[in-house]
Amino acid sequence: LQRLGLRLISGGTDNHLLLVDLTETGITGKEAEEALERTGIVVNRNPIPFDSRPPRVTSGIRLGTPAVTTRGFGGEEMKHIASLIVKVITNIGNDNIQNQVSQEVSQLCQRFPAPGIDD
């Protein structure tokens, strides 16, 4: 995500959680959360330190990796997911992009089914 231009709070992470500062993108955490959810990528809007936006709007999003690592996603898939997240965030309101990303997310999930969940 950092290589693709997004700012991570604390410059990175030492665990399975990431907090992304969206201030420089001009969109809110709420907008990003809703747009990503439409594509099948689930994140949470989250306040960042010294956030000037209200808690229901926020300037950040929180991502966790357990859902994808449980499915068996590796480094290449993580890079692909990061590129999809950035594509959605930088094209908020573009239904064509969101539909394309949604299809890619669906394909990834089919390649890496959730353990214990049958279709």
Protein backbone atom coordinates (compact mmCIF):
# COMPACT_ATOMS: atom_id res chain seq x y z
CA LEU A 1 0.00 0.00 0.00
CA GLN A 2 2.84 2.37 0.83
CA ARG A 3 4.55 1.66 -2.49
CA LEU A 4 1.27 2.53 -4.19
CA GLY A 5 1.08 5.93 -2.49
CA LEU A 6 -1.01 5.39 0.64
CA ARG A 7 0.28 6.46 4.04
CA LEU A 8 0.28 3.88 6.83
CA ILE A 9 0.06 5.19 10.37
CA SER A 10 3.37 4.54 12.15
CA GLY A 11 5.01 3.90 8.79
CA GLY A 12 4.05 0.23 8.72
CA THR A 13 2.97 -2.57 10.97
CA ASP A 14 4.42 -5.30 13.13
CA ASN A 15 1.21 -7.32 13.30
CA HIS A 16 -1.86 -8.26 11.29
CA LEU A 17 -3.52 -4.83 11.42
CA LEU A 18 -2.92 -1.81 9.20
CA LEU A 19 -4.25 1.70 9.68
CA VAL A 20 -4.28 3.75 6.48
CA ASP A 21 -4.38 7.56 6.56
CA LEU A 22 -6.61 8.74 3.70
CA THR A 23 -6.18 12.47 4.38
CA GLU A 24 -4.05 13.07 1.28
CA THR A 25 -6.51 11.22 -0.98
CA GLY A 26 -9.33 13.67 -0.31
CA ILE A 27 -11.80 10.93 0.58
CA THR A 28 -13.11 9.88 3.96
CA GLY A 29 -12.87 6.55 5.70
CA LYS A 30 -16.62 6.18 5.30
CA GLU A 31 -16.44 6.70 1.53
CA ALA A 32 -13.56 4.23 1.20
CA GLU A 33 -15.27 1.65 3.43
CA GLU A 34 -18.50 1.80 1.42
CA ALA A 35 -16.80 1.73 -2.01
CA LEU A 36 -14.53 -1.17 -1.05
CA GLU A 37 -17.44 -3.11 0.46
CA ARG A 38 -19.27 -2.86 -2.88
CA THR A 39 -16.33 -4.72 -4.45
CA GLY A 40 -16.18 -7.44 -1.80
CA ILE A 41 -13.23 -5.98 0.12
CA VAL A 42 -14.17 -5.44 3.75
CA VAL A 43 -12.37 -2.76 5.76
CA ASN A 44 -13.43 -0.59 8.68
CA ARG A 45 -13.49 3.19 8.75
CA ASN A 46 -11.23 4.17 11.60
CA PRO A 47 -10.07 7.43 13.15
CA ILE A 48 -6.42 8.31 12.77
CA PRO A 49 -4.42 10.12 15.46
CA PHE A 50 -5.62 13.74 15.81
CA ASP A 51 -8.43 13.06 13.32
CA SER A 52 -10.44 16.20 12.55
CA ARG A 53 -13.36 14.22 11.12
CA PRO A 54 -16.19 12.84 13.25
CA PRO A 55 -16.04 9.16 14.34
CA ARG A 56 -18.80 8.15 11.91
CA VAL A 57 -16.83 9.59 8.99
CA THR A 58 -13.09 9.32 9.88
CA SER A 59 -9.94 9.97 7.90
CA GLY A 60 -8.68 6.40 7.92
CA ILE A 61 -9.43 2.77 7.26
CA ARG A 62 -8.29 -0.30 9.15
CA LEU A 63 -7.39 -3.51 7.39
CA GLY A 64 -6.66 -6.91 8.87
CA THR A 65 -4.92 -9.82 7.18
CA PRO A 66 -6.34 -12.88 9.03
CA ALA A 67 -9.22 -13.40 6.58
CA VAL A 68 -6.90 -13.65 3.59
CA THR A 69 -4.06 -15.54 5.26
CA THR A 70 -6.58 -18.12 6.50
CA ARG A 71 -7.56 -18.65 2.87
CA GLY A 72 -3.93 -19.20 1.92
CA PHE A 73 -3.19 -15.92 0.16
CA GLY A 74 0.54 -15.28 -0.21
CA GLY A 75 2.69 -12.27 -0.92
CA GLU A 76 1.72 -11.95 -4.57
CA GLU A 77 -1.97 -12.05 -3.72
CA MET A 78 -1.43 -9.43 -1.00
CA LYS A 79 0.21 -7.14 -3.56
CA HIS A 80 -2.72 -7.72 -5.90
CA ILE A 81 -5.23 -6.88 -3.14
CA ALA A 82 -3.27 -3.71 -2.33
CA SER A 83 -3.46 -2.64 -5.97
CA LEU A 84 -7.21 -3.31 -6.01
CA ILE A 85 -7.70 -1.24 -2.84
CA VAL A 86 -5.76 1.68 -4.33
CA LYS A 87 -7.66 1.36 -7.62
CA VAL A 88 -10.99 1.69 -5.80
CA ILE A 89 -9.82 4.52 -3.53
CA THR A 90 -8.41 6.55 -6.42
CA ASN A 91 -11.54 5.98 -8.51
CA ILE A 92 -14.29 6.60 -5.95
CA GLY A 93 -17.63 6.80 -7.72
CA ASN A 94 -16.44 4.99 -10.85
CA ASP A 95 -18.89 2.10 -11.22
CA ASN A 96 -16.91 0.50 -14.07
CA ILE A 97 -13.77 0.27 -11.92
CA GLN A 98 -15.76 -1.04 -8.96
CA ASN A 99 -17.37 -3.72 -11.14
CA GLN A 100 -13.97 -4.75 -12.52
CA VAL A 101 -12.47 -4.95 -9.03
CA SER A 102 -15.48 -6.91 -7.80
CA GLN A 103 -14.89 -9.51 -10.51
CA GLU A 104 -11.20 -9.77 -9.59
CA VAL A 105 -12.08 -10.18 -5.90
CA SER A 106 -14.56 -12.91 -6.79
CA GLN A 107 -11.92 -14.75 -8.84
CA LEU A 108 -9.42 -14.55 -5.98
CA CYS A 109 -11.98 -15.91 -3.53
CA GLN A 110 -12.78 -18.78 -5.88
CA ARG A 111 -9.08 -19.64 -6.17
CA PHE A 112 -8.68 -19.50 -2.39
CA PRO A 113 -11.94 -20.70 -0.79
CA ALA A 114 -12.56 -20.06 2.90
CA PRO A 115 -11.78 -23.22 4.87
CA GLY A 116 -14.84 -24.95 6.26
CA ILE A 117 -17.30 -23.04 4.10
CA ASP A 118 -18.86 -24.95 1.24
CA ASP A 119 -20.62 -23.26 -1.66
